[in-house]
Amino acid sequence: MKPNTTKAMHRLIVQIKDALPFNEIDSNFCSDVCTGCSVKLISFIEIEIDNWEYKLNKGKVPNFKDINKLANTAKKIRTVLLKNKLI
């Protein structure tokens, strides 16, 4: 039985939304320590997620490369947010 990549992408999107502080972006979001622009990184991953949600709603079936790319991007962004002490 083939794995259902559409369900996997939906699950990944939910996990990313739960793990990253999308609703906490404001003027005080930046910390004293900055190894990357956290606001821009959150905006970037939010756009990527919105893009995939749109594609999934239109019936596009992601492949494993698509899932892996989004997962790795979110992982790297989470690492930067941890270094910036925002998570």
Protein backbone atom coordinates (compact mmCIF):
# COMPACT_ATOMS: atom_id res chain seq x y z
CA MET A 1 0.00 0.00 0.00
CA LYS A 2 1.39 3.39 -1.01
CA PRO A 3 1.72 6.01 1.70
CA ASN A 4 -0.73 8.88 1.42
CA THR A 5 1.49 11.93 0.98
CA THR A 6 -1.46 14.31 1.07
CA LYS A 7 -2.36 13.23 4.61
CA ALA A 8 1.31 13.37 5.58
CA MET A 9 1.58 16.96 4.33
CA HIS A 10 -1.58 17.95 6.23
CA ARG A 11 -0.14 16.41 9.41
CA LEU A 12 3.19 18.17 8.88
CA ILE A 13 1.44 21.52 8.46
CA VAL A 14 -0.48 20.99 11.72
CA GLN A 15 2.75 20.05 13.52
CA ILE A 16 4.53 23.15 12.22
CA LYS A 17 1.65 25.40 13.26
CA ASP A 18 1.74 23.87 16.75
CA ALA A 19 5.52 24.15 17.09
CA LEU A 20 6.15 27.71 15.88
CA PRO A 21 4.85 30.94 17.48
CA PHE A 22 2.83 32.33 14.55
CA ASN A 23 0.45 34.29 16.79
CA GLU A 24 3.17 35.90 18.90
CA ILE A 25 4.64 38.19 16.26
CA ASP A 26 4.62 41.79 17.43
CA SER A 27 7.07 44.63 17.99
CA ASN A 28 8.60 42.83 20.98
CA PHE A 29 9.12 39.56 19.09
CA CYS A 30 12.79 40.27 18.43
CA SER A 31 15.15 39.42 21.25
CA ASP A 32 18.52 40.90 22.19
CA VAL A 33 20.24 37.88 20.66
CA CYS A 34 19.71 37.68 16.92
CA THR A 35 21.21 35.06 14.61
CA GLY A 36 18.56 35.56 11.91
CA CYS A 37 15.53 37.76 11.42
CA SER A 38 12.87 35.80 13.28
CA VAL A 39 10.01 37.91 11.94
CA LYS A 40 11.06 37.31 8.33
CA LEU A 41 11.59 33.60 8.97
CA ILE A 42 8.12 33.21 10.52
CA SER A 43 6.63 35.15 7.60
CA PHE A 44 8.48 32.93 5.12
CA ILE A 45 7.30 29.64 6.64
CA GLU A 46 3.77 31.04 6.95
CA ILE A 47 3.77 31.81 3.21
CA GLU A 48 5.09 28.31 2.45
CA ILE A 49 2.33 26.75 4.56
CA ASP A 50 -0.36 28.93 2.96
CA ASN A 51 0.98 27.94 -0.46
CA TRP A 52 0.80 24.23 0.37
CA GLU A 53 -2.66 24.53 1.90
CA TYR A 54 -3.83 26.19 -1.31
CA LYS A 55 -2.21 23.50 -3.48
CA LEU A 56 -3.68 20.70 -1.35
CA ASN A 57 -7.15 22.25 -1.59
CA LYS A 58 -6.76 22.35 -5.38
CA GLY A 59 -5.92 18.63 -5.44
CA LYS A 60 -2.15 18.71 -5.85
CA VAL A 61 -0.51 15.60 -4.45
CA PRO A 62 2.85 16.34 -2.80
CA ASN A 63 5.74 13.95 -3.22
CA PHE A 64 8.23 12.94 -0.55
CA LYS A 65 10.65 15.62 -1.72
CA ASP A 66 8.01 18.32 -1.11
CA ILE A 67 7.27 17.00 2.39
CA ASN A 68 10.96 16.71 3.23
CA LYS A 69 11.69 20.23 1.98
CA LEU A 70 8.94 21.81 4.09
CA ALA A 71 9.95 19.76 7.14
CA ASN A 72 13.62 20.75 6.82
CA THR A 73 12.73 24.42 6.33
CA ALA A 74 10.56 24.41 9.45
CA LYS A 75 13.26 22.59 11.41
CA LYS A 76 15.88 25.18 10.45
CA ILE A 77 13.56 28.05 11.34
CA ARG A 78 12.77 26.44 14.68
CA THR A 79 16.52 26.13 15.36
CA VAL A 80 17.01 29.86 14.72
CA LEU A 81 14.07 30.73 16.97
CA LEU A 82 15.55 28.56 19.72
CA LYS A 83 18.93 30.30 19.35
CA ASN A 84 17.15 33.64 19.57
CA LYS A 85 15.39 32.40 22.73
CA LEU A 86 11.93 32.95 21.26
CA ILE A 87 10.71 29.39 21.83
